[in-house]
């Protein structure tokens, strides 16, 4: 179960448009994708409501974890989204 810690680059954090882009990308992967703050329970990254409920701001560190088929590929692709300003 690979995981990575990344800082959110989007200027508005993981809200509205950036969250939508991330959730849609997470839904494309066949395995499980989870996200959350370090030291807390992670939520389903395919759920817009769950991701928005985290209220993650710009520059905050998150844990991204993937499981199942294509887990490493998913981790790489999704972490790249998080370190990109998706609101630009």
PDB file of N, CA and C in Angstrom:
ATOM      1  N   UNK A   1       0.844  -1.164   0.000  1.00  0.00           N
ATOM      2  CA  UNK A   1       0.000   0.000   0.000  1.00  0.00           C
ATOM      3  C   UNK A   1       0.904   1.246   0.000  1.00  0.00           C
ATOM      4  N   UNK A   2       1.235   1.730  -1.188  1.00  0.00           N
ATOM      5  CA  UNK A   2       2.104   2.900  -1.266  1.00  0.00           C
ATOM      6  C   UNK A   2       1.404   4.172  -0.792  1.00  0.00           C
ATOM      7  N   UNK A   3       2.186   5.057  -0.198  1.00  0.00           N
ATOM      8  CA  UNK A   3       1.653   6.350   0.204  1.00  0.00           C
ATOM      9  C   UNK A   3       2.744   7.401   0.092  1.00  0.00           C
ATOM     10  N   UNK A   4       2.311   8.647   0.009  1.00  0.00           N
ATOM     11  CA  UNK A   4       3.231   9.761  -0.117  1.00  0.00           C
ATOM     12  C   UNK A   4       2.650  10.954   0.627  1.00  0.00           C
ATOM     13  N   UNK A   5       3.522  11.800   1.148  1.00  0.00           N
ATOM     14  CA  UNK A   5       3.114  13.055   1.769  1.00  0.00           C
ATOM     15  C   UNK A   5       3.429  14.166   0.770  1.00  0.00           C
ATOM     16  N   UNK A   6       2.450  15.009   0.490  1.00  0.00           N
ATOM     17  CA  UNK A   6       2.649  16.123  -0.443  1.00  0.00           C
ATOM     18  C   UNK A   6       2.011  17.381   0.115  1.00  0.00           C
ATOM     19  N   UNK A   7       2.501  18.527  -0.354  1.00  0.00           N
ATOM     20  CA  UNK A   7       1.903  19.807   0.027  1.00  0.00           C
ATOM     21  C   UNK A   7       1.001  20.283  -1.104  1.00  0.00           C
ATOM     22  N   UNK A   8      -0.154  20.785  -0.734  1.00  0.00           N
ATOM     23  CA  UNK A   8      -1.141  21.243  -1.706  1.00  0.00           C
ATOM     24  C   UNK A   8      -0.674  22.551  -2.338  1.00  0.00           C
ATOM     25  N   UNK A   9      -0.574  22.567  -3.659  1.00  0.00           N
ATOM     26  CA  UNK A   9      -0.070  23.742  -4.372  1.00  0.00           C
ATOM     27  C   UNK A   9      -1.174  24.701  -4.812  1.00  0.00           C
ATOM     28  N   UNK A  10      -2.397  24.217  -4.969  1.00  0.00           N
ATOM     29  CA  UNK A  10      -3.464  25.094  -5.456  1.00  0.00           C
ATOM     30  C   UNK A  10      -3.655  26.274  -4.520  1.00  0.00           C
ATOM     31  N   UNK A  11      -3.755  27.452  -5.103  1.00  0.00           N
ATOM     32  CA  UNK A  11      -3.836  28.685  -4.319  1.00  0.00           C
ATOM     33  C   UNK A  11      -5.048  28.739  -3.405  1.00  0.00           C
ATOM     34  N   UNK A  12      -6.105  28.026  -3.751  1.00  0.00           N
ATOM     35  CA  UNK A  12      -7.304  27.997  -2.906  1.00  0.00           C
ATOM     36  C   UNK A  12      -7.385  26.706  -2.091  1.00  0.00           C
ATOM     37  N   UNK A  13      -6.325  25.921  -2.126  1.00  0.00           N
ATOM     38  CA  UNK A  13      -6.344  24.651  -1.416  1.00  0.00           C
ATOM     39  C   UNK A  13      -7.092  23.609  -2.216  1.00  0.00           C
ATOM     40  N   UNK A  14      -7.564  22.596  -1.540  1.00  0.00           N
ATOM     41  CA  UNK A  14      -8.289  21.515  -2.211  1.00  0.00           C
ATOM     42  C   UNK A  14      -9.794  21.763  -2.082  1.00  0.00           C
ATOM     43  N   UNK A  15     -10.233  22.840  -2.720  1.00  0.00           N
ATOM     44  CA  UNK A  15     -11.629  23.261  -2.664  1.00  0.00           C
ATOM     45  C   UNK A  15     -12.171  23.405  -4.074  1.00  0.00           C
ATOM     46  N   UNK A  16     -13.476  23.312  -4.228  1.00  0.00           N
ATOM     47  CA  UNK A  16     -14.207  23.535  -5.474  1.00  0.00           C
ATOM     48  C   UNK A  16     -13.522  22.929  -6.700  1.00  0.00           C
ATOM     49  N   UNK A  17     -13.024  23.772  -7.594  1.00  0.00           N
ATOM     50  CA  UNK A  17     -12.478  23.280  -8.855  1.00  0.00           C
ATOM     51  C   UNK A  17     -11.287  22.339  -8.659  1.00  0.00           C
ATOM     52  N   UNK A  18     -10.277  22.693  -7.870  1.00  0.00           N
ATOM     53  CA  UNK A  18      -9.165  21.759  -7.692  1.00  0.00           C
ATOM     54  C   UNK A  18      -9.608  20.400  -7.128  1.00  0.00           C
ATOM     55  N   UNK A  19     -10.538  20.419  -6.201  1.00  0.00           N
ATOM     56  CA  UNK A  19     -11.034  19.161  -5.631  1.00  0.00           C
ATOM     57  C   UNK A  19     -11.758  18.346  -6.692  1.00  0.00           C
ATOM     58  N   UNK A  20     -12.524  19.011  -7.535  1.00  0.00           N
ATOM     59  CA  UNK A  20     -13.247  18.322  -8.602  1.00  0.00           C
ATOM     60  C   UNK A  20     -12.291  17.643  -9.575  1.00  0.00           C
ATOM     61  N   UNK A  21     -11.247  18.339  -9.965  1.00  0.00           N
ATOM     62  CA  UNK A  21     -10.244  17.764 -10.868  1.00  0.00           C
ATOM     63  C   UNK A  21      -9.587  16.549 -10.211  1.00  0.00           C
ATOM     64  N   UNK A  22      -9.217  16.681  -8.942  1.00  0.00           N
ATOM     65  CA  UNK A  22      -8.564  15.597  -8.224  1.00  0.00           C
ATOM     66  C   UNK A  22      -9.489  14.389  -8.063  1.00  0.00           C
ATOM     67  N   UNK A  23     -10.723  14.611  -7.642  1.00  0.00           N
ATOM     68  CA  UNK A  23     -11.680  13.518  -7.424  1.00  0.00           C
ATOM     69  C   UNK A  23     -11.955  12.772  -8.728  1.00  0.00           C
ATOM     70  N   UNK A  24     -12.120  13.501  -9.824  1.00  0.00           N
ATOM     71  CA  UNK A  24     -12.360  12.850 -11.122  1.00  0.00           C
ATOM     72  C   UNK A  24     -11.168  11.995 -11.525  1.00  0.00           C
ATOM     73  N   UNK A  25      -9.965  12.491 -11.287  1.00  0.00           N
ATOM     74  CA  UNK A  25      -8.762  11.717 -11.608  1.00  0.00           C
ATOM     75  C   UNK A  25      -8.663  10.480 -10.719  1.00  0.00           C
ATOM     76  N   UNK A  26      -8.972  10.619  -9.444  1.00  0.00           N
ATOM     77  CA  UNK A  26      -8.932   9.482  -8.514  1.00  0.00           C
ATOM     78  C   UNK A  26      -9.930   8.402  -8.937  1.00  0.00           C
ATOM     79  N   UNK A  27     -11.068   8.825  -9.445  1.00  0.00           N
ATOM     80  CA  UNK A  27     -12.107   7.879  -9.859  1.00  0.00           C
ATOM     81  C   UNK A  27     -11.697   7.067 -11.090  1.00  0.00           C
ATOM     82  N   UNK A  28     -10.702   7.518 -11.819  1.00  0.00           N
ATOM     83  CA  UNK A  28     -10.232   6.810 -13.007  1.00  0.00           C
ATOM     84  C   UNK A  28      -9.385   5.583 -12.675  1.00  0.00           C
ATOM     85  N   UNK A  29      -8.916   5.494 -11.447  1.00  0.00           N
ATOM     86  CA  UNK A  29      -8.027   4.399 -11.063  1.00  0.00           C
ATOM     87  C   UNK A  29      -8.826   3.241 -10.464  1.00  0.00           C
ATOM     88  N   UNK A  30      -8.465   2.010 -10.832  1.00  0.00           N
ATOM     89  CA  UNK A  30      -9.244   0.844 -10.398  1.00  0.00           C
ATOM     90  C   UNK A  30      -9.115   0.485  -8.920  1.00  0.00           C
ATOM     91  N   UNK A  31      -8.035   0.879  -8.280  1.00  0.00           N
ATOM     92  CA  UNK A  31      -7.833   0.531  -6.871  1.00  0.00           C
ATOM     93  C   UNK A  31      -8.438   1.562  -5.943  1.00  0.00           C
ATOM     94  N   UNK A  32      -8.120   1.433  -4.666  1.00  0.00           N
ATOM     95  CA  UNK A  32      -8.587   2.358  -3.636  1.00  0.00           C
ATOM     96  C   UNK A  32      -7.637   3.540  -3.554  1.00  0.00           C
ATOM     97  N   UNK A  33      -8.195   4.740  -3.453  1.00  0.00           N
ATOM     98  CA  UNK A  33      -7.394   5.958  -3.299  1.00  0.00           C
ATOM     99  C   UNK A  33      -7.932   6.701  -2.081  1.00  0.00           C
ATOM    100  N   UNK A  34      -7.038   7.037  -1.144  1.00  0.00           N
ATOM    101  CA  UNK A  34      -7.429   7.730   0.081  1.00  0.00           C
ATOM    102  C   UNK A  34      -6.565   8.962   0.279  1.00  0.00           C
ATOM    103  N   UNK A  35      -7.126   9.968   0.969  1.00  0.00           N
ATOM    104  CA  UNK A  35      -6.408  11.209   1.225  1.00  0.00           C
ATOM    105  C   UNK A  35      -6.800  11.739   2.600  1.00  0.00           C
ATOM    106  N   UNK A  36      -5.902  12.457   3.231  1.00  0.00           N
ATOM    107  CA  UNK A  36      -6.202  13.076   4.517  1.00  0.00           C
ATOM    108  C   UNK A  36      -4.967  13.737   5.100  1.00  0.00           C
ATOM    109  N   UNK A  37      -5.139  14.329   6.245  1.00  0.00           N
ATOM    110  CA  UNK A  37      -4.008  14.944   6.953  1.00  0.00           C
ATOM    111  C   UNK A  37      -3.197  13.855   7.651  1.00  0.00           C
ATOM    112  N   UNK A  38      -1.894  14.083   7.770  1.00  0.00           N
ATOM    113  CA  UNK A  38      -1.067  13.104   8.496  1.00  0.00           C
ATOM    114  C   UNK A  38      -1.586  12.903   9.928  1.00  0.00           C
ATOM    115  N   UNK A  39      -1.619  11.664  10.356  1.00  0.00           N
ATOM    116  CA  UNK A  39      -2.040  11.350  11.716  1.00  0.00           C
ATOM    117  C   UNK A  39      -3.541  11.284  11.929  1.00  0.00           C
ATOM    118  N   UNK A  40      -4.313  11.407  10.847  1.00  0.00           N
ATOM    119  CA  UNK A  40      -5.768  11.315  10.958  1.00  0.00           C
ATOM    120  C   UNK A  40      -6.280  10.197  10.063  1.00  0.00           C
ATOM    121  N   UNK A  41      -7.554   9.861  10.214  1.00  0.00           N
ATOM    122  CA  UNK A  41      -8.165   8.878   9.328  1.00  0.00           C
ATOM    123  C   UNK A  41      -8.256   9.463   7.922  1.00  0.00           C
ATOM    124  N   UNK A  42      -7.911   8.654   6.944  1.00  0.00           N
ATOM    125  CA  UNK A  42      -7.997   9.091   5.555  1.00  0.00           C
ATOM    126  C   UNK A  42      -9.410   8.864   5.039  1.00  0.00           C
ATOM    127  N   UNK A  43      -9.792   9.653   4.018  1.00  0.00           N
ATOM    128  CA  UNK A  43     -11.120   9.533   3.419  1.00  0.00           C
ATOM    129  C   UNK A  43     -10.987   9.044   1.982  1.00  0.00           C
ATOM    130  N   UNK A  44     -12.100   8.615   1.423  1.00  0.00           N
ATOM    131  CA  UNK A  44     -12.153   8.145   0.042  1.00  0.00           C
ATOM    132  C   UNK A  44     -11.926   9.322  -0.902  1.00  0.00           C
ATOM    133  N   UNK A  45     -10.860   9.269  -1.674  1.00  0.00           N
ATOM    134  CA  UNK A  45     -10.520  10.362  -2.591  1.00  0.00           C
ATOM    135  C   UNK A  45     -11.447  10.414  -3.794  1.00  0.00           C
ATOM    136  N   UNK A  46     -12.331   9.445  -3.950  1.00  0.00           N
ATOM    137  CA  UNK A  46     -13.294   9.449  -5.053  1.00  0.00           C
ATOM    138  C   UNK A  46     -14.589  10.160  -4.677  1.00  0.00           C
ATOM    139  N   UNK A  47     -14.701  10.568  -3.438  1.00  0.00           N
ATOM    140  CA  UNK A  47     -15.902  11.219  -2.939  1.00  0.00           C
ATOM    141  C   UNK A  47     -15.674  12.728  -2.805  1.00  0.00           C
ATOM    142  N   UNK A  48     -16.363  13.497  -3.630  1.00  0.00           N
ATOM    143  CA  UNK A  48     -16.216  14.950  -3.587  1.00  0.00           C
ATOM    144  C   UNK A  48     -16.562  15.494  -2.205  1.00  0.00           C
ATOM    145  N   UNK A  49     -17.626  15.010  -1.625  1.00  0.00           N
ATOM    146  CA  UNK A  49     -18.043  15.479  -0.306  1.00  0.00           C
ATOM    147  C   UNK A  49     -16.977  15.180   0.752  1.00  0.00           C
ATOM    148  N   UNK A  50     -16.405  13.983   0.698  1.00  0.00           N
ATOM    149  CA  UNK A  50     -15.369  13.619   1.665  1.00  0.00           C
ATOM    150  C   UNK A  50     -14.127  14.487   1.507  1.00  0.00           C
ATOM    151  N   UNK A  51     -13.713  14.726   0.283  1.00  0.00           N
ATOM    152  CA  UNK A  51     -12.528  15.550   0.038  1.00  0.00           C
ATOM    153  C   UNK A  51     -12.783  16.986   0.473  1.00  0.00           C
ATOM    154  N   UNK A  52     -13.939  17.544   0.129  1.00  0.00           N
ATOM    155  CA  UNK A  52     -14.256  18.912   0.535  1.00  0.00           C
ATOM    156  C   UNK A  52     -14.365  19.042   2.049  1.00  0.00           C
ATOM    157  N   UNK A  53     -14.848  17.992   2.715  1.00  0.00           N
ATOM    158  CA  UNK A  53     -15.012  18.049   4.176  1.00  0.00           C
ATOM    159  C   UNK A  53     -13.676  18.156   4.906  1.00  0.00           C
ATOM    160  N   UNK A  54     -12.590  17.793   4.246  1.00  0.00           N
ATOM    161  CA  UNK A  54     -11.268  17.923   4.851  1.00  0.00           C
ATOM    162  C   UNK A  54     -10.847  19.383   4.997  1.00  0.00           C
ATOM    163  N   UNK A  55     -11.398  20.258   4.158  1.00  0.00           N
ATOM    164  CA  UNK A  55     -11.079  21.699   4.193  1.00  0.00           C
ATOM    165  C   UNK A  55      -9.566  21.937   4.185  1.00  0.00           C
ATOM    166  N   UNK A  56      -8.910  21.333   3.230  1.00  0.00           N
ATOM    167  CA  UNK A  56      -7.456  21.433   3.124  1.00  0.00           C
ATOM    168  C   UNK A  56      -7.080  22.706   2.383  1.00  0.00           C
ATOM    169  N   UNK A  57      -6.207  23.494   3.004  1.00  0.00           N
ATOM    170  CA  UNK A  57      -5.795  24.769   2.439  1.00  0.00           C
ATOM    171  C   UNK A  57      -4.483  24.694   1.689  1.00  0.00           C
ATOM    172  N   UNK A  58      -4.169  25.787   1.020  1.00  0.00           N
ATOM    173  CA  UNK A  58      -2.914  25.925   0.277  1.00  0.00           C
ATOM    174  C   UNK A  58      -1.721  25.702   1.211  1.00  0.00           C
ATOM    175  N   UNK A  59      -0.772  24.905   0.758  1.00  0.00           N
ATOM    176  CA  UNK A  59       0.448  24.666   1.516  1.00  0.00           C
ATOM    177  C   UNK A  59       0.337  23.610   2.597  1.00  0.00           C
ATOM    178  N   UNK A  60      -0.865  23.092   2.839  1.00  0.00           N
ATOM    179  CA  UNK A  60      -1.018  22.046   3.858  1.00  0.00           C
ATOM    180  C   UNK A  60      -0.492  20.714   3.335  1.00  0.00           C
ATOM    181  N   UNK A  61       0.030  19.921   4.241  1.00  0.00           N
ATOM    182  CA  UNK A  61       0.528  18.598   3.890  1.00  0.00           C
ATOM    183  C   UNK A  61      -0.601  17.580   4.011  1.00  0.00           C
ATOM    184  N   UNK A  62      -0.671  16.697   3.020  1.00  0.00           N
ATOM    185  CA  UNK A  62      -1.644  15.610   3.047  1.00  0.00           C
ATOM    186  C   UNK A  62      -0.938  14.291   2.799  1.00  0.00           C
ATOM    187  N   UNK A  63      -1.609  13.228   3.201  1.00  0.00           N
ATOM    188  CA  UNK A  63      -1.161  11.866   2.907  1.00  0.00           C
ATOM    189  C   UNK A  63      -2.050  11.353   1.785  1.00  0.00           C
ATOM    190  N   UNK A  64      -1.427  10.820   0.760  1.00  0.00           N
ATOM    191  CA  UNK A  64      -2.142  10.197  -0.343  1.00  0.00           C
ATOM    192  C   UNK A  64      -1.744   8.734  -0.348  1.00  0.00           C
ATOM    193  N   UNK A  65      -2.736   7.848  -0.302  1.00  0.00           N
ATOM    194  CA  UNK A  65      -2.473   6.403  -0.239  1.00  0.00           C
ATOM    195  C   UNK A  65      -3.281   5.700  -1.320  1.00  0.00           C
ATOM    196  N   UNK A  66      -2.644   4.740  -1.984  1.00  0.00           N
ATOM    197  CA  UNK A  66      -3.327   3.961  -3.011  1.00  0.00           C
ATOM    198  C   UNK A  66      -3.161   2.474  -2.715  1.00  0.00           C
ATOM    199  N   UNK A  67      -4.134   1.697  -3.159  1.00  0.00           N
ATOM    200  CA  UNK A  67      -4.090   0.240  -2.993  1.00  0.00           C
ATOM    201  C   UNK A  67      -4.653  -0.405  -4.242  1.00  0.00           C
ATOM    202  N   UNK A  68      -4.223  -1.625  -4.495  1.00  0.00           N
ATOM    203  CA  UNK A  68      -4.792  -2.401  -5.586  1.00  0.00           C
ATOM    204  C   UNK A  68      -4.041  -2.248  -6.890  1.00  0.00           C
ATOM    205  N   UNK A  69      -4.696  -2.675  -7.943  1.00  0.00           N
ATOM    206  CA  UNK A  69      -4.120  -2.656  -9.279  1.00  0.00           C
ATOM    207  C   UNK A  69      -3.702  -1.240  -9.680  1.00  0.00           C
ATOM    208  N   UNK A  70      -2.483  -1.095 -10.141  1.00  0.00           N
ATOM    209  CA  UNK A  70      -2.002   0.197 -10.605  1.00  0.00           C
ATOM    210  C   UNK A  70      -1.753   1.208  -9.502  1.00  0.00           C
ATOM    211  N   UNK A  71      -1.520   0.728  -8.278  1.00  0.00           N
ATOM    212  CA  UNK A  71      -1.373   1.629  -7.127  1.00  0.00           C
ATOM    213  C   UNK A  71      -0.214   2.603  -7.289  1.00  0.00           C
ATOM    214  N   UNK A  72       0.921   2.117  -7.762  1.00  0.00           N
ATOM    215  CA  UNK A  72       2.084   2.997  -7.916  1.00  0.00           C
ATOM    216  C   UNK A  72       1.838   4.064  -8.977  1.00  0.00           C
ATOM    217  N   UNK A  73       1.239   3.666 -10.077  1.00  0.00           N
ATOM    218  CA  UNK A  73       0.934   4.609 -11.150  1.00  0.00           C
ATOM    219  C   UNK A  73      -0.054   5.665 -10.658  1.00  0.00           C
ATOM    220  N   UNK A  74      -1.081   5.221  -9.949  1.00  0.00           N
ATOM    221  CA  UNK A  74      -2.077   6.147  -9.414  1.00  0.00           C
ATOM    222  C   UNK A  74      -1.436   7.129  -8.446  1.00  0.00           C
ATOM    223  N   UNK A  75      -0.568   6.637  -7.583  1.00  0.00           N
ATOM    224  CA  UNK A  75       0.100   7.496  -6.611  1.00  0.00           C
ATOM    225  C   UNK A  75       0.914   8.584  -7.311  1.00  0.00           C
ATOM    226  N   UNK A  76       1.635   8.196  -8.331  1.00  0.00           N
ATOM    227  CA  UNK A  76       2.441   9.154  -9.083  1.00  0.00           C
ATOM    228  C   UNK A  76       1.569  10.204  -9.762  1.00  0.00           C
ATOM    229  N   UNK A  77       0.546   9.767 -10.478  1.00  0.00           N
ATOM    230  CA  UNK A  77      -0.317  10.695 -11.214  1.00  0.00           C
ATOM    231  C   UNK A  77      -1.080  11.632 -10.289  1.00  0.00           C
ATOM    232  N   UNK A  78      -1.636  11.094  -9.233  1.00  0.00           N
ATOM    233  CA  UNK A  78      -2.457  11.911  -8.337  1.00  0.00           C
ATOM    234  C   UNK A  78      -1.602  12.862  -7.501  1.00  0.00           C
ATOM    235  N   UNK A  79      -0.423  12.428  -7.103  1.00  0.00           N
ATOM    236  CA  UNK A  79       0.443  13.327  -6.339  1.00  0.00           C
ATOM    237  C   UNK A  79       0.897  14.492  -7.211  1.00  0.00           C
ATOM    238  N   UNK A  80       1.083  14.250  -8.500  1.00  0.00           N
ATOM    239  CA  UNK A  80       1.449  15.335  -9.419  1.00  0.00           C
ATOM    240  C   UNK A  80       0.332  16.372  -9.517  1.00  0.00           C
ATOM    241  N   UNK A  81      -0.894  15.929  -9.468  1.00  0.00           N
ATOM    242  CA  UNK A  81      -2.019  16.882  -9.471  1.00  0.00           C
ATOM    243  C   UNK A  81      -1.989  17.764  -8.229  1.00  0.00           C
ATOM    244  N   UNK A  82      -1.704  17.156  -7.084  1.00  0.00           N
ATOM    245  CA  UNK A  82      -1.731  17.904  -5.828  1.00  0.00           C
ATOM    246  C   UNK A  82      -0.615  18.930  -5.733  1.00  0.00           C
ATOM    247  N   UNK A  83       0.507  18.687  -6.385  1.00  0.00           N
ATOM    248  CA  UNK A  83       1.614  19.647  -6.325  1.00  0.00           C
ATOM    249  C   UNK A  83       1.562  20.644  -7.495  1.00  0.00           C
ATOM    250  N   UNK A  84       0.434  20.656  -8.200  1.00  0.00           N
ATOM    251  CA  UNK A  84       0.194  21.596  -9.293  1.00  0.00           C
ATOM    252  C   UNK A  84      -0.929  22.542  -8.882  1.00  0.00           C
ATOM    253  N   UNK A  85      -0.827  23.817  -9.240  1.00  0.00           N
ATOM    254  CA  UNK A  85      -1.902  24.762  -8.933  1.00  0.00           C
ATOM    255  C   UNK A  85      -3.053  24.526  -9.893  1.00  0.00           C
ATOM    256  N   UNK A  86      -4.018  23.730  -9.478  1.00  0.00           N
ATOM    257  CA  UNK A  86      -5.146  23.356 -10.317  1.00  0.00           C
ATOM    258  C   UNK A  86      -6.169  24.475 -10.479  1.00  0.00           C
ATOM    259  N   UNK A  87      -5.975  25.553  -9.765  1.00  0.00           N
ATOM    260  CA  UNK A  87      -6.900  26.687  -9.847  1.00  0.00           C
ATOM    261  C   UNK A  87      -6.398  27.745 -10.824  1.00  0.00           C
ATOM    262  N   UNK A  88      -5.228  27.524 -11.382  1.00  0.00           N
ATOM    263  CA  UNK A  88      -4.631  28.528 -12.287  1.00  0.00           C
ATOM    264  C   UNK A  88      -5.258  28.476 -13.653  1.00  0.00           C
TER     265      UNK A  88
END
